[in-house]
Amino acid sequence: MSAAPMICSTADRIEIYGQLDFAHADRIRESLLAVVNARRGTGRLLVDCSNLTFIDGAGLRALTAASRAAGAAGLHFAVINPSPALRFLLDLLGLSDSLTSSC
């Protein structure tokens, strides 16, 4: 059994913490897409993943879907402070440069 991930949001920053896996990826993706749609064309969206304890392929798809939607909406999207689990997955798949930022 996995712990449900949580989202905490401020003006241009969202924090995801806990486990982002198959059981919860759809809910997180929908939450991220709702934020993207609400902020269409208004700057940036930073997703802080420093407290993400686990992520699988479904969780990574949720982040990449939000990134694509943000780009289409005119927002700068970046994952900041990736947890070791996320950093490993991003490096393994060659996605570090496209999803992360030093913002």
N, C-alpha and C. Protein backbone atom coordinates (compact mmCIF):
# COMPACT_ATOMS: atom_id res chain seq x y z
N MET A 1 0.84 -1.18 0.00
CA MET A 1 0.00 0.00 0.00
C MET A 1 0.88 1.24 0.00
N SER A 2 0.50 2.23 -0.78
CA SER A 2 1.30 3.45 -0.87
C SER A 2 0.59 4.60 -0.19
N ALA A 3 1.41 5.53 0.29
CA ALA A 3 0.87 6.74 0.91
C ALA A 3 0.50 7.72 -0.19
N ALA A 4 -0.66 8.33 -0.07
CA ALA A 4 -1.12 9.28 -1.08
C ALA A 4 -0.23 10.50 -1.08
N PRO A 5 0.18 10.97 -2.27
CA PRO A 5 0.97 12.19 -2.33
C PRO A 5 0.09 13.39 -2.03
N MET A 6 0.71 14.44 -1.58
CA MET A 6 -0.01 15.67 -1.26
C MET A 6 0.55 16.80 -2.10
N ILE A 7 -0.29 17.79 -2.33
CA ILE A 7 0.14 18.98 -3.05
C ILE A 7 -0.07 20.19 -2.15
N CYS A 8 0.94 21.02 -2.07
CA CYS A 8 0.86 22.29 -1.35
C CYS A 8 1.22 23.37 -2.35
N SER A 9 0.38 24.39 -2.51
CA SER A 9 0.58 25.38 -3.56
C SER A 9 0.71 26.78 -3.00
N THR A 10 1.62 27.56 -3.62
CA THR A 10 1.72 28.99 -3.37
C THR A 10 1.58 29.68 -4.73
N ALA A 11 1.92 30.93 -4.81
CA ALA A 11 1.67 31.72 -6.03
C ALA A 11 2.19 31.06 -7.30
N ASP A 12 3.44 30.69 -7.34
CA ASP A 12 3.96 30.08 -8.56
C ASP A 12 4.69 28.77 -8.29
N ARG A 13 4.48 28.22 -7.12
CA ARG A 13 5.20 27.02 -6.70
C ARG A 13 4.24 26.00 -6.11
N ILE A 14 4.42 24.76 -6.54
CA ILE A 14 3.63 23.65 -6.02
C ILE A 14 4.61 22.65 -5.42
N GLU A 15 4.31 22.15 -4.26
CA GLU A 15 5.13 21.11 -3.65
C GLU A 15 4.36 19.79 -3.68
N ILE A 16 5.02 18.77 -4.19
CA ILE A 16 4.45 17.42 -4.15
C ILE A 16 5.28 16.62 -3.17
N TYR A 17 4.63 15.97 -2.22
CA TYR A 17 5.38 15.16 -1.28
C TYR A 17 4.66 13.85 -1.04
N GLY A 18 5.43 12.84 -0.66
CA GLY A 18 4.90 11.49 -0.49
C GLY A 18 5.27 10.63 -1.68
N GLN A 19 4.40 9.69 -2.01
CA GLN A 19 4.65 8.75 -3.09
C GLN A 19 3.78 9.09 -4.29
N LEU A 20 4.42 9.29 -5.43
CA LEU A 20 3.71 9.58 -6.67
C LEU A 20 3.81 8.34 -7.54
N ASP A 21 2.80 7.49 -7.42
CA ASP A 21 2.83 6.21 -8.12
C ASP A 21 1.53 6.00 -8.89
N PHE A 22 1.40 4.83 -9.48
CA PHE A 22 0.25 4.48 -10.31
C PHE A 22 -1.08 4.74 -9.60
N ALA A 23 -1.13 4.47 -8.32
CA ALA A 23 -2.38 4.63 -7.58
C ALA A 23 -2.81 6.09 -7.45
N HIS A 24 -1.88 7.02 -7.57
CA HIS A 24 -2.19 8.43 -7.32
C HIS A 24 -1.85 9.36 -8.48
N ALA A 25 -1.24 8.85 -9.52
CA ALA A 25 -0.75 9.70 -10.60
C ALA A 25 -1.87 10.47 -11.30
N ASP A 26 -3.00 9.84 -11.54
CA ASP A 26 -4.09 10.53 -12.24
C ASP A 26 -4.59 11.74 -11.45
N ARG A 27 -4.71 11.60 -10.15
CA ARG A 27 -5.18 12.71 -9.31
C ARG A 27 -4.17 13.86 -9.32
N ILE A 28 -2.89 13.53 -9.24
CA ILE A 28 -1.86 14.57 -9.26
C ILE A 28 -1.82 15.24 -10.64
N ARG A 29 -1.91 14.44 -11.70
CA ARG A 29 -1.90 15.01 -13.06
C ARG A 29 -3.07 15.97 -13.23
N GLU A 30 -4.26 15.58 -12.81
CA GLU A 30 -5.44 16.44 -12.92
C GLU A 30 -5.27 17.72 -12.10
N SER A 31 -4.69 17.59 -10.92
CA SER A 31 -4.46 18.78 -10.09
C SER A 31 -3.47 19.73 -10.75
N LEU A 32 -2.39 19.18 -11.30
CA LEU A 32 -1.41 20.02 -11.99
C LEU A 32 -2.01 20.68 -13.23
N LEU A 33 -2.79 19.92 -13.98
CA LEU A 33 -3.42 20.49 -15.19
C LEU A 33 -4.42 21.59 -14.83
N ALA A 34 -5.11 21.45 -13.73
CA ALA A 34 -6.04 22.49 -13.29
C ALA A 34 -5.28 23.78 -12.96
N VAL A 35 -4.13 23.65 -12.32
CA VAL A 35 -3.31 24.83 -12.02
C VAL A 35 -2.81 25.45 -13.31
N VAL A 36 -2.34 24.63 -14.24
CA VAL A 36 -1.87 25.14 -15.54
C VAL A 36 -2.99 25.91 -16.23
N ASN A 37 -4.17 25.36 -16.27
CA ASN A 37 -5.29 26.03 -16.94
C ASN A 37 -5.67 27.33 -16.24
N ALA A 38 -5.58 27.36 -14.93
CA ALA A 38 -5.92 28.58 -14.18
C ALA A 38 -4.89 29.68 -14.39
N ARG A 39 -3.66 29.31 -14.67
CA ARG A 39 -2.58 30.29 -14.80
C ARG A 39 -2.16 30.52 -16.24
N ARG A 40 -2.93 30.09 -17.17
CA ARG A 40 -2.61 30.17 -18.60
C ARG A 40 -1.95 31.50 -18.95
N GLY A 41 -0.71 31.40 -19.48
CA GLY A 41 0.01 32.59 -19.94
C GLY A 41 0.47 33.55 -18.88
N THR A 42 0.57 33.13 -17.63
CA THR A 42 0.89 34.07 -16.56
C THR A 42 2.23 33.79 -15.88
N GLY A 43 3.24 33.43 -16.60
CA GLY A 43 4.56 33.31 -15.99
C GLY A 43 5.10 31.92 -15.87
N ARG A 44 5.21 31.44 -14.64
CA ARG A 44 5.88 30.17 -14.43
C ARG A 44 5.15 29.30 -13.42
N LEU A 45 5.47 28.03 -13.48
CA LEU A 45 4.96 27.06 -12.52
C LEU A 45 6.11 26.17 -12.11
N LEU A 46 6.52 26.26 -10.86
CA LEU A 46 7.62 25.48 -10.33
C LEU A 46 7.05 24.36 -9.46
N VAL A 47 7.50 23.14 -9.71
CA VAL A 47 7.02 21.99 -8.96
C VAL A 47 8.16 21.47 -8.10
N ASP A 48 8.05 21.69 -6.81
CA ASP A 48 9.09 21.29 -5.85
C ASP A 48 8.86 19.83 -5.47
N CYS A 49 9.82 19.00 -5.78
CA CYS A 49 9.72 17.56 -5.51
C CYS A 49 10.75 17.10 -4.49
N SER A 50 11.20 18.01 -3.64
CA SER A 50 12.24 17.66 -2.66
C SER A 50 11.76 16.63 -1.64
N ASN A 51 10.47 16.58 -1.39
CA ASN A 51 9.93 15.64 -0.41
C ASN A 51 9.16 14.49 -1.04
N LEU A 52 9.43 14.23 -2.30
CA LEU A 52 8.84 13.10 -2.99
C LEU A 52 9.64 11.86 -2.60
N THR A 53 9.00 10.91 -1.95
CA THR A 53 9.73 9.74 -1.44
C THR A 53 9.80 8.59 -2.44
N PHE A 54 8.89 8.57 -3.40
CA PHE A 54 8.88 7.51 -4.41
C PHE A 54 8.16 8.04 -5.64
N ILE A 55 8.63 7.63 -6.80
CA ILE A 55 7.95 7.94 -8.05
C ILE A 55 8.16 6.78 -9.01
N ASP A 56 7.10 6.44 -9.74
CA ASP A 56 7.21 5.40 -10.77
C ASP A 56 6.90 6.02 -12.13
N GLY A 57 6.80 5.18 -13.15
CA GLY A 57 6.55 5.67 -14.50
C GLY A 57 5.27 6.45 -14.63
N ALA A 58 4.23 6.04 -13.93
CA ALA A 58 2.95 6.75 -13.98
C ALA A 58 3.10 8.15 -13.37
N GLY A 59 3.85 8.26 -12.30
CA GLY A 59 4.10 9.56 -11.69
C GLY A 59 4.90 10.47 -12.60
N LEU A 60 5.89 9.90 -13.27
CA LEU A 60 6.68 10.68 -14.22
C LEU A 60 5.83 11.14 -15.39
N ARG A 61 4.91 10.30 -15.85
CA ARG A 61 4.00 10.70 -16.93
C ARG A 61 3.12 11.87 -16.49
N ALA A 62 2.71 11.88 -15.23
CA ALA A 62 1.91 13.00 -14.73
C ALA A 62 2.70 14.31 -14.81
N LEU A 63 3.98 14.27 -14.44
CA LEU A 63 4.81 15.46 -14.50
C LEU A 63 5.05 15.90 -15.94
N THR A 64 5.31 14.95 -16.83
CA THR A 64 5.57 15.32 -18.23
C THR A 64 4.31 15.83 -18.91
N ALA A 65 3.15 15.29 -18.55
CA ALA A 65 1.89 15.80 -19.11
C ALA A 65 1.66 17.24 -18.68
N ALA A 66 1.94 17.53 -17.42
CA ALA A 66 1.79 18.90 -16.92
C ALA A 66 2.80 19.84 -17.60
N SER A 67 4.00 19.35 -17.83
CA SER A 67 5.01 20.15 -18.51
C SER A 67 4.58 20.50 -19.94
N ARG A 68 4.08 19.52 -20.66
CA ARG A 68 3.60 19.76 -22.03
C ARG A 68 2.43 20.74 -22.04
N ALA A 69 1.49 20.55 -21.12
CA ALA A 69 0.32 21.44 -21.06
C ALA A 69 0.74 22.86 -20.71
N ALA A 70 1.71 23.00 -19.80
CA ALA A 70 2.19 24.32 -19.42
C ALA A 70 2.84 25.01 -20.61
N GLY A 71 3.64 24.28 -21.36
CA GLY A 71 4.26 24.86 -22.54
C GLY A 71 3.23 25.35 -23.54
N ALA A 72 2.19 24.55 -23.75
CA ALA A 72 1.12 24.93 -24.67
C ALA A 72 0.34 26.14 -24.15
N ALA A 73 0.32 26.32 -22.83
CA ALA A 73 -0.42 27.43 -22.22
C ALA A 73 0.45 28.67 -22.03
N GLY A 74 1.70 28.62 -22.48
CA GLY A 74 2.57 29.78 -22.36
C GLY A 74 3.20 29.96 -20.99
N LEU A 75 3.27 28.88 -20.21
CA LEU A 75 3.88 28.93 -18.88
C LEU A 75 5.25 28.27 -18.92
N HIS A 76 6.19 28.80 -18.14
CA HIS A 76 7.46 28.12 -17.92
C HIS A 76 7.21 27.09 -16.82
N PHE A 77 7.47 25.83 -17.09
CA PHE A 77 7.26 24.74 -16.14
C PHE A 77 8.62 24.14 -15.80
N ALA A 78 8.87 23.93 -14.52
CA ALA A 78 10.11 23.28 -14.12
C ALA A 78 9.92 22.51 -12.82
N VAL A 79 10.54 21.35 -12.77
CA VAL A 79 10.66 20.60 -11.53
C VAL A 79 11.88 21.15 -10.82
N ILE A 80 11.72 21.55 -9.57
CA ILE A 80 12.85 22.05 -8.79
C ILE A 80 13.08 21.12 -7.61
N ASN A 81 14.31 21.09 -7.15
CA ASN A 81 14.69 20.27 -5.99
C ASN A 81 14.23 18.81 -6.11
N PRO A 82 14.54 18.15 -7.22
CA PRO A 82 14.07 16.76 -7.33
C PRO A 82 14.67 15.88 -6.24
N SER A 83 13.83 15.04 -5.68
CA SER A 83 14.29 14.09 -4.66
C SER A 83 15.28 13.12 -5.30
N PRO A 84 16.04 12.40 -4.50
CA PRO A 84 16.96 11.41 -5.07
C PRO A 84 16.25 10.39 -5.96
N ALA A 85 15.06 9.96 -5.57
CA ALA A 85 14.32 8.98 -6.38
C ALA A 85 13.95 9.57 -7.74
N LEU A 86 13.49 10.82 -7.75
CA LEU A 86 13.13 11.46 -9.01
C LEU A 86 14.37 11.78 -9.82
N ARG A 87 15.42 12.28 -9.18
CA ARG A 87 16.66 12.59 -9.89
C ARG A 87 17.19 11.35 -10.61
N PHE A 88 17.18 10.21 -9.93
CA PHE A 88 17.64 8.96 -10.55
C PHE A 88 16.83 8.64 -11.80
N LEU A 89 15.52 8.74 -11.70
CA LEU A 89 14.65 8.43 -12.83
C LEU A 89 14.85 9.42 -13.99
N LEU A 90 14.95 10.70 -13.67
CA LEU A 90 15.18 11.71 -14.71
C LEU A 90 16.52 11.49 -15.42
N ASP A 91 17.56 11.20 -14.64
CA ASP A 91 18.88 10.96 -15.23
C ASP A 91 18.86 9.69 -16.08
N LEU A 92 18.23 8.66 -15.58
CA LEU A 92 18.17 7.38 -16.30
C LEU A 92 17.49 7.54 -17.65
N LEU A 93 16.44 8.34 -17.70
CA LEU A 93 15.66 8.52 -18.92
C LEU A 93 16.08 9.72 -19.76
N GLY A 94 17.08 10.45 -19.31
CA GLY A 94 17.56 11.61 -20.05
C GLY A 94 16.60 12.79 -20.05
N LEU A 95 15.84 12.95 -18.99
CA LEU A 95 14.85 14.02 -18.91
C LEU A 95 15.25 15.16 -17.98
N SER A 96 16.42 15.08 -17.40
CA SER A 96 16.82 16.10 -16.43
C SER A 96 16.80 17.50 -17.02
N ASP A 97 17.39 17.67 -18.19
CA ASP A 97 17.46 19.00 -18.79
C ASP A 97 16.09 19.54 -19.19
N SER A 98 15.20 18.68 -19.61
CA SER A 98 13.90 19.16 -20.10
C SER A 98 12.89 19.44 -18.98
N LEU A 99 13.06 18.83 -17.81
CA LEU A 99 12.08 19.02 -16.75
C LEU A 99 12.58 19.82 -15.54
N THR A 100 13.87 19.89 -15.36
CA THR A 100 14.38 20.55 -14.15
C THR A 100 14.91 21.95 -14.44
N SER A 101 15.00 22.73 -13.39
CA SER A 101 15.48 24.10 -13.50
C SER A 101 16.16 24.48 -12.21
N SER A 102 17.02 25.45 -12.27
CA SER A 102 17.68 25.95 -11.05
C SER A 102 16.97 27.15 -10.47
N CYS A 103 15.72 27.41 -10.90
CA CYS A 103 14.95 28.56 -10.41
C CYS A 103 14.81 28.52 -8.91
